[in-house]
């Protein structure tokens, strides 16, 4: 069967736009015919999210795809290290198998750092042999972000063997090097690491670009670096990509890479350079196998209304219409439930904490993954001064919870808690008072994974039965539930953060400076050592 699609054809390779008929047979483009007149809609390759942890959408891959397709995203370069930290190889295999159930292009990586550090308790570990086995899998396209950059700088044997395995497999190596510069950065790049999505400033990104790295402009639910980095696009477009890294379902419901394209063009970035960043660069870098709107390619393309607001009218995968006018054409896939959650309920004495005369406090920064360190005098270290108790509870075995103080969550009552806590995914909670904290933590434990927001009188729970990270419900239902619990944490509990749960999940991410809390204690991300009070 031959099908023809007509519109204004955007040829990113030749940098021209002209009316054309796209002729498709058995899912592949067999001809592109220029014509005098065609509908005033624009046909172009689909968008690619160049780095994302699908688990952070709280959706398994098949449900993520159903929602992403409505925004013209046809592919995602996905690092499954969240579920790998919980379930190891079983978790990675779950993501690959689940993603294969839908017409969407998932390009999974082999997690390089499971666990991310030795300063926390994870549910699994991936050794060199397992990483090598994943890299030999044709469904795995790269070595996922090398977060343990101190080990790279020190030439750690296991880390260097994982890098060597990726090089031997001729697969790219993703980076993760926030604030790294100078000679240390050169050492990191010379190890073979080719990308970075952790740049917070234009100066940091430009230094990495000048050393030949590919820099990803990240705009997720918590970390938002688009405004800081977009001035570099016109000059360095051949080395840049767009990504979301972590994107909660409420924001995925609204937009995806299409929003970054629209924003970039509104800022007078060159159209074809922007589309190269959004569509071509990730495909080239990761040696992907989806279509790029050329004769002989799979018919993977999108139709947009105009070149200003980038409303996606239709999305096609292998010639099949999979989304139209904001609606997914794909049915829900029933996902199996796998998990590892052994924690048991705790009591008030478990979260008791003595504040020091000068307390080292974690300062959460809205819209950033990095934190600041602040010394606060004991008399000022109170909930009324927005100095709240932060608790991390080991979910894999019974152990004493770790407790510290965090500032800038803004809660005026109650608590929020989550089993999503990068990267080991222990239980993490912040609260205005101990009773609410205890209630929130124990509700997460009861569900064996959930997001919770509560006061003494009220509670909201979003269960996450798949690895304590993802829901098995319909994507739109999850987005609605997340919107409600997010609004509760702001409107009722008082948080002033743009994404309280996403920000909370990063308070345990030790590989991002400057101060974080793991299940083993308060951690200095600069010296890579525990803080002793």
Protein backbone atom coordinates (compact mmCIF):
# COMPACT_ATOMS: atom_id res chain seq x y z
CA UNK A 1 0.00 0.00 0.00
CA UNK A 2 1.31 3.43 -0.98
CA UNK A 3 0.33 6.53 1.04
CA UNK A 4 1.12 10.15 0.21
CA UNK A 5 1.48 13.01 2.71
CA UNK A 6 1.56 16.60 1.47
CA UNK A 7 2.81 19.79 3.06
CA UNK A 8 5.74 22.17 3.30
CA UNK A 9 8.72 19.83 3.51
CA UNK A 10 11.53 20.96 5.81
CA UNK A 11 14.81 19.50 4.58
CA UNK A 12 17.17 20.11 7.50
CA UNK A 13 20.13 18.62 5.64
CA UNK A 14 19.88 21.00 2.64
CA UNK A 15 18.33 23.80 4.73
CA UNK A 16 15.39 24.41 2.40
CA UNK A 17 11.60 24.37 2.72
CA UNK A 18 9.35 23.65 -0.25
CA UNK A 19 5.92 22.15 -1.04
CA UNK A 20 6.19 18.42 -1.55
CA UNK A 21 4.48 15.05 -1.49
CA UNK A 22 6.04 12.43 0.84
CA UNK A 23 5.37 8.98 -0.61
CA UNK A 24 5.42 6.06 1.85
CA UNK A 25 5.28 2.32 1.22
CA UNK A 26 5.46 -0.36 3.92
CA UNK A 27 6.53 2.20 6.50
CA UNK A 28 9.41 3.65 4.48
CA UNK A 29 9.74 6.81 2.40
CA UNK A 30 10.15 5.82 -1.24
CA UNK A 31 9.94 9.27 -2.83
CA UNK A 32 9.82 12.97 -2.00
CA UNK A 33 8.25 14.88 -4.88
CA UNK A 34 8.48 18.67 -5.13
CA UNK A 35 5.22 20.27 -6.25
CA UNK A 36 3.85 23.72 -6.96
CA UNK A 37 1.33 23.77 -4.14
CA UNK A 38 0.75 21.85 -0.91
CA UNK A 39 -1.15 22.44 2.35
CA UNK A 40 0.29 25.18 4.59
CA UNK A 41 1.42 22.76 7.26
CA UNK A 42 5.05 21.78 7.82
CA UNK A 43 6.49 18.27 7.68
CA UNK A 44 9.79 17.56 9.45
CA UNK A 45 11.68 14.80 11.31
CA UNK A 46 10.40 14.04 14.80
CA UNK A 47 12.06 15.50 17.89
CA UNK A 48 14.52 13.61 20.10
CA UNK A 49 15.01 14.00 23.85
CA UNK A 50 18.79 13.52 23.97
CA UNK A 51 18.98 12.55 27.65
CA UNK A 52 16.19 11.49 29.96
CA UNK A 53 15.51 9.14 32.84
CA UNK A 54 12.09 7.82 31.84
CA UNK A 55 11.47 6.72 35.43
CA UNK A 56 11.32 10.36 36.55
CA UNK A 57 8.11 10.81 34.56
CA UNK A 58 6.64 8.30 37.07
CA UNK A 59 5.61 6.32 33.98
CA UNK A 60 6.99 3.11 32.46
CA UNK A 61 8.36 3.55 28.92
CA UNK A 62 5.17 2.53 27.10
CA UNK A 63 3.08 5.12 28.95
CA UNK A 64 5.78 7.79 28.58
CA UNK A 65 5.73 7.19 24.82
CA UNK A 66 1.96 7.61 24.57
CA UNK A 67 2.24 11.09 26.07
CA UNK A 68 5.50 12.21 24.45
CA UNK A 69 4.23 11.40 20.96
CA UNK A 70 1.52 14.06 21.15
CA UNK A 71 4.30 16.67 21.30
CA UNK A 72 6.17 15.31 18.30
CA UNK A 73 8.84 13.46 20.29
CA UNK A 74 9.51 10.22 18.44
CA UNK A 75 12.69 9.12 20.24
CA UNK A 76 14.37 9.32 23.62
CA UNK A 77 17.96 8.64 24.62
CA UNK A 78 17.15 7.04 27.94
CA UNK A 79 19.42 6.25 30.86
CA UNK A 80 17.70 3.56 33.00
CA UNK A 81 20.02 3.98 35.97
CA UNK A 82 17.16 4.87 38.32
CA UNK A 83 15.58 1.44 38.11
CA UNK A 84 19.02 -0.17 37.82
CA UNK A 85 19.91 1.22 41.25
CA UNK A 86 16.84 -0.56 42.61
CA UNK A 87 16.81 -3.81 40.64
CA UNK A 88 20.04 -4.06 38.66
CA UNK A 89 19.96 -5.95 35.34
CA UNK A 90 16.34 -6.98 35.93
CA UNK A 91 15.36 -3.32 36.00
CA UNK A 92 17.17 -2.46 32.75
CA UNK A 93 15.65 -5.47 31.02
CA UNK A 94 12.20 -4.39 32.23
CA UNK A 95 12.64 -0.95 30.62
CA UNK A 96 13.80 -2.40 27.29
CA UNK A 97 10.98 -4.95 27.15
CA UNK A 98 8.31 -2.45 28.18
CA UNK A 99 9.50 0.08 25.58
CA UNK A 100 9.37 -2.51 22.80
CA UNK A 101 5.59 -2.77 23.23
CA UNK A 102 4.92 0.60 21.59
CA UNK A 103 5.86 2.31 18.29
CA UNK A 104 8.43 4.71 19.74
CA UNK A 105 12.22 4.77 19.50
CA UNK A 106 13.89 4.20 22.86
CA UNK A 107 17.69 4.32 22.81
CA UNK A 108 18.68 2.91 26.17
CA UNK A 109 22.10 3.20 27.76
CA UNK A 110 24.10 0.84 29.94
CA UNK A 111 24.18 2.45 33.40
CA UNK A 112 27.78 3.22 34.30
CA UNK A 113 27.41 4.07 37.98
CA UNK A 114 25.24 1.60 39.88
CA UNK A 115 25.53 2.43 42.68
CA UNK A 116 26.42 6.04 41.91
CA UNK A 117 28.80 6.22 44.88
CA UNK A 118 29.95 4.11 47.80
CA UNK A 119 28.50 6.66 50.22
CA UNK A 120 24.90 5.44 49.99
CA UNK A 121 22.95 2.19 50.00
CA UNK A 122 21.49 1.07 46.69
CA UNK A 123 19.47 -2.01 45.87
CA UNK A 124 21.86 -3.37 43.26
CA UNK A 125 25.26 -3.02 41.61
CA UNK A 126 26.28 -3.41 37.96
CA UNK A 127 29.83 -4.67 37.58
CA UNK A 128 32.09 -4.47 34.53
CA UNK A 129 30.89 -7.82 33.17
CA UNK A 130 27.22 -6.80 33.40
CA UNK A 131 27.86 -3.40 31.82
CA UNK A 132 29.80 -5.10 29.02
CA UNK A 133 26.91 -7.52 28.48
CA UNK A 134 24.49 -4.60 28.18
CA UNK A 135 26.76 -2.81 25.72
CA UNK A 136 26.71 -5.95 23.56
CA UNK A 137 22.90 -5.76 23.40
CA UNK A 138 21.74 -4.06 20.15
CA UNK A 139 18.97 -2.34 22.15
CA UNK A 140 21.67 -0.50 24.15
CA UNK A 141 23.26 2.43 22.33
CA UNK A 142 25.74 4.03 24.73
CA UNK A 143 27.38 4.01 28.16
CA UNK A 144 25.16 6.12 30.41
CA UNK A 145 26.35 9.22 32.21
CA UNK A 146 29.63 8.74 34.05
CA UNK A 147 28.57 10.49 37.24
CA UNK A 148 31.51 9.34 39.32
CA UNK A 149 33.84 11.86 37.76
CA UNK A 150 36.28 11.77 40.72
CA UNK A 151 36.88 8.09 39.92
CA UNK A 152 37.62 9.00 36.29
CA UNK A 153 40.11 11.64 37.41
CA UNK A 154 41.75 9.13 39.73
CA UNK A 155 41.87 6.42 37.05
CA UNK A 156 39.79 3.98 39.09
CA UNK A 157 40.24 0.52 37.59
CA UNK A 158 36.58 -0.53 37.44
CA UNK A 159 35.42 2.81 36.03
CA UNK A 160 38.13 2.80 33.36
CA UNK A 161 37.21 -0.79 32.42
CA UNK A 162 33.59 0.27 31.84
CA UNK A 163 34.78 3.14 29.66
CA UNK A 164 37.06 0.76 27.77
CA UNK A 165 34.12 -1.62 27.20
CA UNK A 166 32.10 1.18 25.60
CA UNK A 167 35.01 2.16 23.39
CA UNK A 168 35.49 -1.46 22.33
CA UNK A 169 31.79 -1.64 21.43
CA UNK A 170 32.13 1.64 19.46
CA UNK A 171 29.38 3.23 21.54
CA UNK A 172 29.39 6.81 22.92
CA UNK A 173 30.07 7.60 26.57
CA UNK A 174 27.80 10.11 28.28
CA UNK A 175 29.17 12.53 30.83
CA UNK A 176 28.05 14.16 34.05
CA UNK A 177 30.52 16.73 35.29
CA UNK A 178 28.87 19.73 36.99
CA UNK A 179 31.28 22.65 37.45
CA UNK A 180 34.28 20.60 36.30
CA UNK A 181 36.86 22.80 34.55
CA UNK A 182 40.51 23.28 33.73
CA UNK A 183 42.92 20.36 33.82
CA UNK A 184 40.40 18.08 35.55
CA UNK A 185 37.92 18.67 32.74
CA UNK A 186 40.55 17.92 30.11
CA UNK A 187 41.39 14.66 31.88
CA UNK A 188 37.70 13.75 31.92
CA UNK A 189 37.25 14.50 28.22
CA UNK A 190 40.44 12.68 27.27
CA UNK A 191 39.04 9.55 28.91
CA UNK A 192 36.59 9.42 26.01
CA UNK A 193 33.55 11.07 27.57
CA UNK A 194 31.67 12.97 24.91
CA UNK A 195 28.64 14.76 26.39
CA UNK A 196 27.55 16.81 29.37
CA UNK A 197 24.04 17.85 30.41
CA UNK A 198 24.97 19.41 33.77
CA UNK A 199 26.19 22.87 32.66
CA UNK A 200 24.78 25.64 34.85
CA UNK A 201 26.44 28.63 33.21
CA UNK A 202 27.34 29.83 29.75
CA UNK A 203 31.03 29.95 30.67
CA UNK A 204 31.06 26.33 31.87
CA UNK A 205 29.28 25.14 28.74
CA UNK A 206 31.56 27.05 26.38
CA UNK A 207 34.69 25.61 27.98
CA UNK A 208 33.32 22.10 27.45
CA UNK A 209 32.29 22.88 23.88
CA UNK A 210 35.74 24.20 23.08
CA UNK A 211 37.19 20.89 24.28
CA UNK A 212 34.98 19.06 21.79
CA UNK A 213 32.21 17.87 24.11
CA UNK A 214 28.57 17.86 23.07
CA UNK A 215 26.61 20.06 25.47
CA UNK A 216 22.93 19.35 26.11
CA UNK A 217 20.58 22.21 26.85
CA UNK A 218 18.48 20.82 29.68
CA UNK A 219 15.00 21.97 30.61
CA UNK A 220 13.37 19.54 33.02
CA UNK A 221 10.93 19.77 35.89
CA UNK A 222 13.61 20.73 38.42
CA UNK A 223 16.77 21.71 36.53
CA UNK A 224 16.22 24.48 33.99
CA UNK A 225 19.29 25.63 32.08
CA UNK A 226 17.76 26.75 28.78
CA UNK A 227 17.98 30.49 29.45
CA UNK A 228 21.61 30.25 30.57
CA UNK A 229 22.81 28.17 27.61
CA UNK A 230 20.67 29.14 24.61
CA UNK A 231 22.96 32.08 23.61
CA UNK A 232 25.52 29.45 22.57
CA UNK A 233 23.30 27.68 20.06
CA UNK A 234 23.89 29.76 16.92
CA UNK A 235 27.68 29.38 17.27
CA UNK A 236 27.94 25.81 18.55
CA UNK A 237 24.82 24.23 17.03
CA UNK A 238 26.77 21.29 15.59
CA UNK A 239 27.69 20.19 19.15
CA UNK A 240 24.43 20.83 21.01
CA UNK A 241 21.24 18.89 21.75
CA UNK A 242 18.03 19.42 23.73
CA UNK A 243 17.08 17.26 26.69
CA UNK A 244 14.81 17.18 29.73
CA UNK A 245 16.84 14.80 31.97
CA UNK A 246 13.98 14.47 34.48
CA UNK A 247 10.40 15.42 33.61
CA UNK A 248 7.37 14.86 35.79
CA UNK A 249 4.08 13.82 34.14
CA UNK A 250 2.26 17.13 34.64
CA UNK A 251 4.88 19.04 32.65
CA UNK A 252 5.17 16.25 30.06
CA UNK A 253 1.43 16.58 29.53
CA UNK A 254 1.93 20.24 28.55
CA UNK A 255 4.98 20.09 26.27
CA UNK A 256 8.31 18.48 25.54
CA UNK A 257 11.14 19.24 23.09
CA UNK A 258 8.67 21.17 20.89
CA UNK A 259 8.57 23.91 23.54
CA UNK A 260 12.35 24.31 23.46
CA UNK A 261 12.26 24.61 19.67
CA UNK A 262 9.59 27.31 19.87
CA UNK A 263 11.46 29.22 22.58
CA UNK A 264 14.76 29.06 20.72
CA UNK A 265 13.26 30.39 17.51
CA UNK A 266 11.42 33.13 19.41
CA UNK A 267 14.86 34.23 20.65
CA UNK A 268 16.00 34.60 17.00
CA UNK A 269 18.04 31.42 16.83
CA UNK A 270 18.41 30.20 13.26
CA UNK A 271 15.59 27.81 12.27
CA UNK A 272 17.76 25.14 10.69
CA UNK A 273 20.33 25.28 13.47
CA UNK A 274 17.60 24.77 16.06
CA UNK A 275 16.16 21.82 14.14
CA UNK A 276 19.61 20.29 13.78
CA UNK A 277 19.90 20.45 17.58
CA UNK A 278 16.40 19.03 18.11
CA UNK A 279 16.31 16.34 15.42
CA UNK A 280 19.65 15.49 13.84
CA UNK A 281 22.49 15.81 16.33
CA UNK A 282 21.26 13.13 18.76
CA UNK A 283 20.57 10.75 15.86
CA UNK A 284 24.10 11.21 14.55
CA UNK A 285 25.83 11.06 17.92
CA UNK A 286 24.06 7.94 19.16
CA UNK A 287 23.96 6.23 15.74
CA UNK A 288 20.22 5.70 15.96
CA UNK A 289 18.00 3.83 13.51
CA UNK A 290 14.87 5.95 13.15
CA UNK A 291 13.96 7.97 10.09
CA UNK A 292 15.20 11.49 9.39
CA UNK A 293 12.78 12.26 6.54
CA UNK A 294 14.89 11.14 3.59
CA UNK A 295 14.18 8.70 0.80
CA UNK A 296 14.87 5.21 2.13
CA UNK A 297 14.25 6.19 5.77
CA UNK A 298 11.50 4.91 8.00
CA UNK A 299 8.54 7.30 7.79
CA UNK A 300 9.05 8.78 11.26
CA UNK A 301 7.96 12.41 11.01
CA UNK A 302 5.70 15.09 12.41
CA UNK A 303 3.36 17.71 11.03
CA UNK A 304 3.24 21.14 12.72
CA UNK A 305 0.90 24.06 12.18
CA UNK A 306 3.50 26.80 11.69
CA UNK A 307 7.09 27.79 12.47
CA UNK A 308 6.17 30.04 15.39
CA UNK A 309 4.30 28.11 18.06
CA UNK A 310 5.16 24.57 16.83
CA UNK A 311 1.83 22.99 17.65
CA UNK A 312 2.14 19.35 16.64
CA UNK A 313 -0.84 18.30 14.52
CA UNK A 314 0.25 14.74 13.76
CA UNK A 315 3.01 12.29 14.65
CA UNK A 316 3.90 9.28 12.50
CA UNK A 317 6.09 6.27 13.32
CA UNK A 318 6.92 4.02 10.35
CA UNK A 319 4.06 5.61 8.43
CA UNK A 320 1.50 4.93 11.17
CA UNK A 321 -0.41 7.82 12.72
CA UNK A 322 0.30 7.53 16.45
CA UNK A 323 -0.86 10.93 17.74
CA UNK A 324 -3.11 13.67 16.41
CA UNK A 325 -4.18 17.06 17.76
CA UNK A 326 -3.01 16.35 21.29
CA UNK A 327 -4.51 12.86 21.47
CA UNK A 328 -2.58 9.60 21.52
CA UNK A 329 -3.68 6.87 19.13
CA UNK A 330 -1.93 4.18 21.17
CA UNK A 331 -3.84 2.00 23.66
CA UNK A 332 -2.57 1.64 27.22
CA UNK A 333 -0.10 -1.18 27.77
CA UNK A 334 -0.50 -3.20 30.97
CA UNK A 335 2.89 -3.10 32.68
CA UNK A 336 4.07 -5.84 35.01
CA UNK A 337 5.00 -4.79 38.54
CA UNK A 338 8.52 -5.44 39.82
CA UNK A 339 9.94 -4.01 43.03
CA UNK A 340 12.43 -4.27 45.87
CA UNK A 341 11.16 -2.61 49.03
CA UNK A 342 12.03 -4.08 52.42
CA UNK A 343 11.71 -1.12 54.80
CA UNK A 344 9.34 -1.40 57.76
CA UNK A 345 7.53 1.37 59.56
CA UNK A 346 9.53 3.64 61.88
CA UNK A 347 8.69 5.62 65.03
CA UNK A 348 9.34 9.12 66.36
CA UNK A 349 12.55 8.21 68.19
CA UNK A 350 14.04 7.07 64.87
CA UNK A 351 13.95 10.63 63.48
CA UNK A 352 15.06 12.46 66.64
CA UNK A 353 17.86 14.94 65.89
CA UNK A 354 20.06 17.23 67.95
CA UNK A 355 20.84 20.52 66.24
CA UNK A 356 24.42 21.82 66.62
CA UNK A 357 25.36 25.26 67.91
CA UNK A 358 26.25 26.00 64.27
CA UNK A 359 24.30 23.62 62.08
CA UNK A 360 25.43 22.78 58.50
CA UNK A 361 22.24 23.33 56.51
CA UNK A 362 21.41 22.21 52.96
CA UNK A 363 20.07 25.14 50.93
CA UNK A 364 17.73 23.96 48.17
CA UNK A 365 17.84 26.16 45.05
CA UNK A 366 14.66 26.49 43.03
CA UNK A 367 15.15 25.19 39.48
CA UNK A 368 18.62 23.77 40.17
CA UNK A 369 20.08 20.44 41.22
CA UNK A 370 23.04 21.98 43.00
CA UNK A 371 22.61 23.09 46.60
CA UNK A 372 24.45 25.56 48.81
CA UNK A 373 25.90 24.98 52.27
CA UNK A 374 24.97 27.37 55.06
CA UNK A 375 25.96 27.44 58.72
CA UNK A 376 22.93 28.43 60.82
CA UNK A 377 23.09 29.21 64.53
CA UNK A 378 21.04 26.87 66.69
CA UNK A 379 18.54 29.51 67.81
CA UNK A 380 17.75 30.38 64.17
CA UNK A 381 17.52 26.77 63.01
CA UNK A 382 13.74 26.46 63.39
CA UNK A 383 10.79 25.53 61.15
CA UNK A 384 9.54 29.11 61.51
CA UNK A 385 12.81 30.19 59.87
CA UNK A 386 12.26 27.62 57.08
CA UNK A 387 14.90 25.27 58.50
CA UNK A 388 13.13 21.94 58.20
CA UNK A 389 14.05 18.40 59.09
CA UNK A 390 15.15 16.24 56.13
CA UNK A 391 15.10 12.46 56.58
CA UNK A 392 16.44 9.61 54.42
CA UNK A 393 15.36 6.06 55.29
CA UNK A 394 17.04 2.98 53.82
CA UNK A 395 14.41 1.08 51.85
CA UNK A 396 16.50 -2.05 51.28
CA UNK A 397 17.15 -3.07 54.89
CA UNK A 398 16.35 -1.97 58.42
CA UNK A 399 18.72 0.82 59.44
CA UNK A 400 18.71 4.02 61.44
CA UNK A 401 17.41 6.93 59.34
CA UNK A 402 19.77 9.77 58.43
CA UNK A 403 18.61 13.26 59.45
CA UNK A 404 19.74 16.77 58.52
CA UNK A 405 18.33 20.26 58.12
CA UNK A 406 17.27 21.77 54.79
CA UNK A 407 16.24 25.33 53.91
CA UNK A 408 14.03 26.84 51.16
CA UNK A 409 11.30 24.20 50.91
CA UNK A 410 8.99 26.75 52.47
CA UNK A 411 6.61 24.35 54.19
CA UNK A 412 4.44 26.03 56.81
CA UNK A 413 2.83 22.77 57.92
CA UNK A 414 2.82 19.05 57.18
CA UNK A 415 5.35 17.00 55.23
CA UNK A 416 6.10 15.47 51.84
CA UNK A 417 7.85 12.15 51.26
CA UNK A 418 8.93 10.08 48.29
CA UNK A 419 10.51 6.77 47.30
CA UNK A 420 12.08 8.62 44.35
CA UNK A 421 15.41 9.83 45.73
CA UNK A 422 18.26 9.95 43.25
CA UNK A 423 20.17 7.82 42.72
CA UNK A 424 19.68 4.98 45.19
CA UNK A 425 15.98 5.67 45.72
CA UNK A 426 15.73 5.30 49.42
CA UNK A 427 12.82 7.07 51.14
CA UNK A 428 13.28 10.82 51.47
CA UNK A 429 11.05 13.25 53.36
CA UNK A 430 10.95 16.86 54.53
CA UNK A 431 8.52 18.17 57.13
CA UNK A 432 7.50 21.05 59.32
CA UNK A 433 6.95 18.79 62.35
CA UNK A 434 7.95 15.29 63.41
CA UNK A 435 4.43 13.89 63.55
CA UNK A 436 3.78 14.83 59.91
CA UNK A 437 7.20 13.56 58.86
CA UNK A 438 6.57 10.21 60.50
CA UNK A 439 3.14 9.93 58.92
CA UNK A 440 4.46 10.72 55.43
CA UNK A 441 7.36 8.26 55.68
CA UNK A 442 5.20 5.44 56.95
CA UNK A 443 2.63 6.00 54.20
CA UNK A 444 5.41 5.56 51.61
CA UNK A 445 6.50 2.36 53.37
CA UNK A 446 2.93 1.08 53.50
CA UNK A 447 2.60 1.46 49.72
CA UNK A 448 6.10 0.05 49.08
CA UNK A 449 6.77 3.18 47.07
CA UNK A 450 4.79 6.38 46.62
CA UNK A 451 4.68 10.16 46.66
CA UNK A 452 2.96 11.45 49.80
CA UNK A 453 1.87 14.88 51.02
CA UNK A 454 0.10 15.16 54.36
CA UNK A 455 -0.94 17.16 57.37
CA UNK A 456 -2.21 15.76 60.64
CA UNK A 457 -5.75 15.82 59.22
CA UNK A 458 -5.30 15.17 55.48
CA UNK A 459 -3.16 13.10 53.17
CA UNK A 460 -2.60 12.55 49.46
CA UNK A 461 -0.86 9.45 48.13
CA UNK A 462 0.31 8.62 44.60
CA UNK A 463 1.34 4.91 44.65
CA UNK A 464 4.43 3.90 42.63
CA UNK A 465 4.31 0.09 42.60
CA UNK A 466 6.89 -0.39 39.79
CA UNK A 467 10.24 -0.31 41.62
CA UNK A 468 8.90 2.42 43.90
CA UNK A 469 9.53 4.73 40.93
CA UNK A 470 6.68 4.37 38.46
CA UNK A 471 2.92 3.99 38.41
CA UNK A 472 1.16 1.24 36.49
CA UNK A 473 -1.83 3.52 35.80
CA UNK A 474 -2.78 5.43 32.64
CA UNK A 475 -0.39 8.32 31.87
CA UNK A 476 -3.09 10.98 31.94
CA UNK A 477 -4.44 9.67 35.23
CA UNK A 478 -0.93 9.79 36.72
CA UNK A 479 -0.45 13.35 35.44
CA UNK A 480 -3.72 14.41 37.05
CA UNK A 481 -2.85 12.72 40.36
CA UNK A 482 0.59 14.29 40.32
CA UNK A 483 -0.88 17.74 39.61
CA UNK A 484 -3.16 17.36 42.61
CA UNK A 485 -0.44 16.28 45.04
CA UNK A 486 1.88 18.97 43.69
CA UNK A 487 -0.81 21.61 44.23
CA UNK A 488 -1.47 20.29 47.74
CA UNK A 489 2.22 20.60 48.64
CA UNK A 490 2.16 24.23 47.50
CA UNK A 491 -1.31 25.54 48.30
CA UNK A 492 -1.86 23.67 51.58
CA UNK A 493 1.63 22.91 52.86
CA UNK A 494 3.14 26.18 51.64
CA UNK A 495 6.09 25.10 49.47
CA UNK A 496 7.31 27.88 47.19
CA UNK A 497 9.34 25.58 44.92
CA UNK A 498 8.33 25.11 41.30
CA UNK A 499 8.51 21.30 41.66
CA UNK A 500 8.72 20.32 45.35
CA UNK A 501 8.80 16.56 44.79
CA UNK A 502 11.40 16.79 42.04
CA UNK A 503 13.56 19.07 44.18
CA UNK A 504 13.17 16.71 47.14
CA UNK A 505 14.31 13.76 45.04
CA UNK A 506 17.62 15.50 44.36
CA UNK A 507 18.46 16.28 47.98
CA UNK A 508 20.02 12.80 48.16
CA UNK A 509 21.98 13.05 44.87
CA UNK A 510 25.55 13.01 46.14
CA UNK A 511 27.24 13.50 42.76
CA UNK A 512 25.80 17.02 42.43
CA UNK A 513 27.49 19.70 44.58
CA UNK A 514 27.56 21.00 47.20
CA UNK A 515 25.86 19.31 50.16
CA UNK A 516 23.36 16.42 50.20
CA UNK A 517 21.99 13.73 52.52
CA UNK A 518 22.27 10.00 51.87
CA UNK A 519 20.93 7.20 54.04
CA UNK A 520 24.43 7.07 55.57
CA UNK A 521 24.72 10.73 56.50
CA UNK A 522 25.33 14.34 55.48
CA UNK A 523 27.68 14.54 52.49
CA UNK A 524 30.04 17.15 51.05
CA UNK A 525 29.86 16.90 47.25
CA UNK A 526 33.03 18.96 46.77
CA UNK A 527 35.39 16.92 48.92
CA UNK A 528 33.37 13.73 48.26
CA UNK A 529 33.30 12.85 51.95
CA UNK A 530 30.87 12.82 54.85
CA UNK A 531 30.41 15.92 56.99
CA UNK A 532 31.11 15.35 60.65
CA UNK A 533 29.48 17.80 62.99
